[in-house]
């Protein structure tokens, strides 16, 4: 098992013990063939970490964001995006409201894997197969700072913070 999957399972186990209502919102994952069929028309490759992530959970649509979203990034409330919805909305993400970011970010497209209505955490699409990608934060303000060096790094950080009780969960997150 990869370090990414170990970290995701550690997060899920912590949630099951400390916030079971949030753990229940984690959806079952997709098979490799399901992922490949959904992304086959993308004009670029996604990092292997994205495949692992979507094998762990298929994500949620924006209307039914997970209760665990509050722990996945420091910007608050970001949920793992349903791959079908991301694929459906990707041309809008690339061409309209985030065009400036996608075009100017090292000349490569950004692909949102975690998002809210106003911002997203993205991986960088590439024309070469890669294992990982930096996680880029894109907001409605057209900011594109690095949030993490990789998806694995992000989940390791989240798992460590949970184990250290560094998150202040209010009752609203766990009810």
Protein backbone atom coordinates (compact mmCIF):
# COMPACT_ATOMS: atom_id res chain seq x y z
CA UNK A 1 0.00 0.00 0.00
CA UNK A 2 1.25 3.48 -0.79
CA UNK A 3 2.01 6.21 1.71
CA UNK A 4 -0.90 8.21 0.28
CA UNK A 5 -3.40 5.39 0.89
CA UNK A 6 -1.92 4.77 4.35
CA UNK A 7 -2.45 8.46 5.17
CA UNK A 8 -6.01 8.48 3.80
CA UNK A 9 -6.83 5.36 5.82
CA UNK A 10 -5.31 6.97 8.92
CA UNK A 11 -7.54 10.02 8.38
CA UNK A 12 -10.58 7.81 7.91
CA UNK A 13 -9.79 5.79 11.05
CA UNK A 14 -9.37 9.00 13.06
CA UNK A 15 -12.70 10.29 11.76
CA UNK A 16 -14.44 6.98 12.54
CA UNK A 17 -13.27 7.25 16.16
CA UNK A 18 -13.66 10.99 16.69
CA UNK A 19 -16.22 12.21 14.20
CA UNK A 20 -18.22 9.22 12.89
CA UNK A 21 -20.80 11.39 11.10
CA UNK A 22 -18.01 12.85 8.99
CA UNK A 23 -16.50 9.42 8.33
CA UNK A 24 -19.85 8.23 6.99
CA UNK A 25 -19.68 10.83 4.20
CA UNK A 26 -16.58 9.21 2.66
CA UNK A 27 -17.80 7.54 -0.52
CA UNK A 28 -16.47 4.22 -1.87
CA UNK A 29 -13.74 4.48 -4.47
CA UNK A 30 -13.67 3.78 -8.18
CA UNK A 31 -11.82 1.00 -9.98
CA UNK A 32 -8.86 1.85 -12.20
CA UNK A 33 -10.94 1.05 -15.27
CA UNK A 34 -13.74 3.37 -14.09
CA UNK A 35 -11.23 6.18 -13.54
CA UNK A 36 -9.58 5.62 -16.91
CA UNK A 37 -12.92 5.60 -18.73
CA UNK A 38 -13.91 8.92 -17.09
CA UNK A 39 -10.65 10.70 -17.93
CA UNK A 40 -9.92 9.14 -21.33
CA UNK A 41 -10.80 12.33 -23.23
CA UNK A 42 -8.61 14.67 -21.19
CA UNK A 43 -5.91 16.23 -23.37
CA UNK A 44 -3.28 15.56 -20.68
CA UNK A 45 -2.29 12.97 -18.07
CA UNK A 46 -3.06 13.11 -14.38
CA UNK A 47 -0.52 12.12 -11.73
CA UNK A 48 -0.66 8.57 -10.37
CA UNK A 49 -1.59 10.00 -6.96
CA UNK A 50 -4.93 11.14 -8.42
CA UNK A 51 -5.69 7.57 -9.46
CA UNK A 52 -4.93 6.38 -5.93
CA UNK A 53 -7.09 9.10 -4.41
CA UNK A 54 -10.11 8.22 -6.55
CA UNK A 55 -9.63 4.52 -5.83
CA UNK A 56 -9.96 5.43 -2.16
CA UNK A 57 -13.08 7.63 -2.63
CA UNK A 58 -15.12 8.70 -5.64
CA UNK A 59 -15.70 12.13 -4.07
CA UNK A 60 -18.85 14.19 -3.73
CA UNK A 61 -20.64 16.84 -5.73
CA UNK A 62 -20.64 20.43 -4.50
CA UNK A 63 -24.26 20.16 -3.35
CA UNK A 64 -23.48 17.33 -0.93
CA UNK A 65 -20.05 18.26 0.32
CA UNK A 66 -18.58 15.94 2.85
CA UNK A 67 -18.49 16.79 6.49
CA UNK A 68 -14.81 15.81 6.51
CA UNK A 69 -13.99 18.59 4.04
CA UNK A 70 -13.06 20.95 6.86
CA UNK A 71 -9.89 18.97 7.56
CA UNK A 72 -8.56 18.63 4.03
CA UNK A 73 -7.12 22.07 3.55
CA UNK A 74 -6.26 25.17 5.54
CA UNK A 75 -8.70 27.30 3.54
CA UNK A 76 -11.78 25.58 4.95
CA UNK A 77 -14.53 23.34 3.70
CA UNK A 78 -12.94 21.95 0.57
CA UNK A 79 -14.26 18.51 -0.39
CA UNK A 80 -12.98 15.84 -2.71
CA UNK A 81 -14.71 16.55 -6.01
CA UNK A 82 -16.64 13.84 -7.80
CA UNK A 83 -14.57 12.92 -10.83
CA UNK A 84 -17.55 12.93 -13.19
CA UNK A 85 -18.48 16.46 -12.14
CA UNK A 86 -14.90 17.69 -12.50
CA UNK A 87 -14.68 16.19 -15.99
CA UNK A 88 -18.02 17.75 -16.91
CA UNK A 89 -17.00 21.19 -15.59
CA UNK A 90 -13.34 21.04 -16.56
CA UNK A 91 -13.70 23.00 -19.82
CA UNK A 92 -15.34 25.81 -17.82
CA UNK A 93 -12.58 25.67 -15.25
CA UNK A 94 -9.91 25.81 -17.92
CA UNK A 95 -11.54 28.31 -20.26
CA UNK A 96 -13.61 30.76 -18.23
CA UNK A 97 -13.35 31.90 -14.64
CA UNK A 98 -9.92 30.37 -13.98
CA UNK A 99 -8.48 30.83 -17.47
CA UNK A 100 -5.83 33.25 -16.32
CA UNK A 101 -4.55 30.80 -13.72
CA UNK A 102 -4.63 27.76 -15.98
CA UNK A 103 -2.88 29.53 -18.84
CA UNK A 104 -0.24 31.21 -16.70
CA UNK A 105 0.59 28.36 -14.36
CA UNK A 106 3.81 27.05 -15.93
CA UNK A 107 1.96 26.66 -19.23
CA UNK A 108 0.01 23.62 -18.06
CA UNK A 109 -3.65 23.07 -17.16
CA UNK A 110 -4.81 22.88 -13.58
CA UNK A 111 -7.23 20.07 -12.69
CA UNK A 112 -9.40 20.61 -9.58
CA UNK A 113 -9.57 17.66 -7.22
CA UNK A 114 -10.79 19.45 -4.09
CA UNK A 115 -13.13 22.42 -4.37
CA UNK A 116 -15.78 24.70 -2.99
CA UNK A 117 -17.92 27.22 -4.87
CA UNK A 118 -15.11 29.80 -4.70
CA UNK A 119 -11.80 27.97 -4.71
CA UNK A 120 -10.07 24.73 -5.56
CA UNK A 121 -7.02 22.66 -4.81
CA UNK A 122 -5.64 21.44 -8.12
CA UNK A 123 -3.03 19.14 -9.57
CA UNK A 124 -1.10 20.12 -12.66
CA UNK A 125 -2.06 18.26 -15.81
CA UNK A 126 0.89 17.13 -17.88
CA UNK A 127 1.63 15.48 -21.20
CA UNK A 128 3.99 13.04 -19.50
CA UNK A 129 2.96 10.46 -16.94
CA UNK A 130 4.07 11.52 -13.48
CA UNK A 131 3.68 10.09 -10.03
CA UNK A 132 2.84 13.34 -8.28
CA UNK A 133 2.14 17.02 -8.76
CA UNK A 134 2.24 20.06 -6.55
CA UNK A 135 -1.14 20.94 -5.08
CA UNK A 136 -2.06 24.43 -6.24
CA UNK A 137 -4.63 26.61 -4.48
CA UNK A 138 -6.79 28.58 -6.91
CA UNK A 139 -9.27 31.12 -5.57
CA UNK A 140 -11.82 33.43 -7.08
CA UNK A 141 -9.11 36.09 -6.67
CA UNK A 142 -6.99 34.27 -9.31
CA UNK A 143 -4.32 33.32 -6.81
CA UNK A 144 -2.20 30.26 -7.52
CA UNK A 145 0.10 29.63 -4.56
CA UNK A 146 1.46 26.18 -3.87
CA UNK A 147 -0.43 24.58 -1.01
CA UNK A 148 1.54 21.29 -0.80
CA UNK A 149 4.36 19.67 -2.74
CA UNK A 150 2.18 16.62 -3.49
CA UNK A 151 -1.09 14.94 -2.64
CA UNK A 152 0.81 12.48 -0.45
CA UNK A 153 2.43 15.37 1.42
CA UNK A 154 -0.97 17.00 1.92
CA UNK A 155 -2.56 13.85 3.37
CA UNK A 156 0.46 13.08 5.55
CA UNK A 157 0.19 16.59 6.99
CA UNK A 158 -3.55 16.25 7.61
CA UNK A 159 -3.11 12.82 9.26
CA UNK A 160 -0.34 14.15 11.53
CA UNK A 161 -2.40 17.19 12.51
CA UNK A 162 -5.38 15.00 13.36
CA UNK A 163 -3.26 12.65 15.47
CA UNK A 164 -1.81 15.68 17.29
CA UNK A 165 -5.34 17.07 17.90
CA UNK A 166 -4.28 20.26 16.12
CA UNK A 167 -7.73 20.83 14.61
CA UNK A 168 -10.40 22.54 16.68
CA UNK A 169 -13.56 20.70 15.72
CA UNK A 170 -16.72 22.43 16.75
CA UNK A 171 -19.82 20.37 17.38
CA UNK A 172 -21.16 21.39 13.97
CA UNK A 173 -18.43 19.39 12.18
CA UNK A 174 -19.19 16.18 14.03
CA UNK A 175 -22.98 16.21 14.15
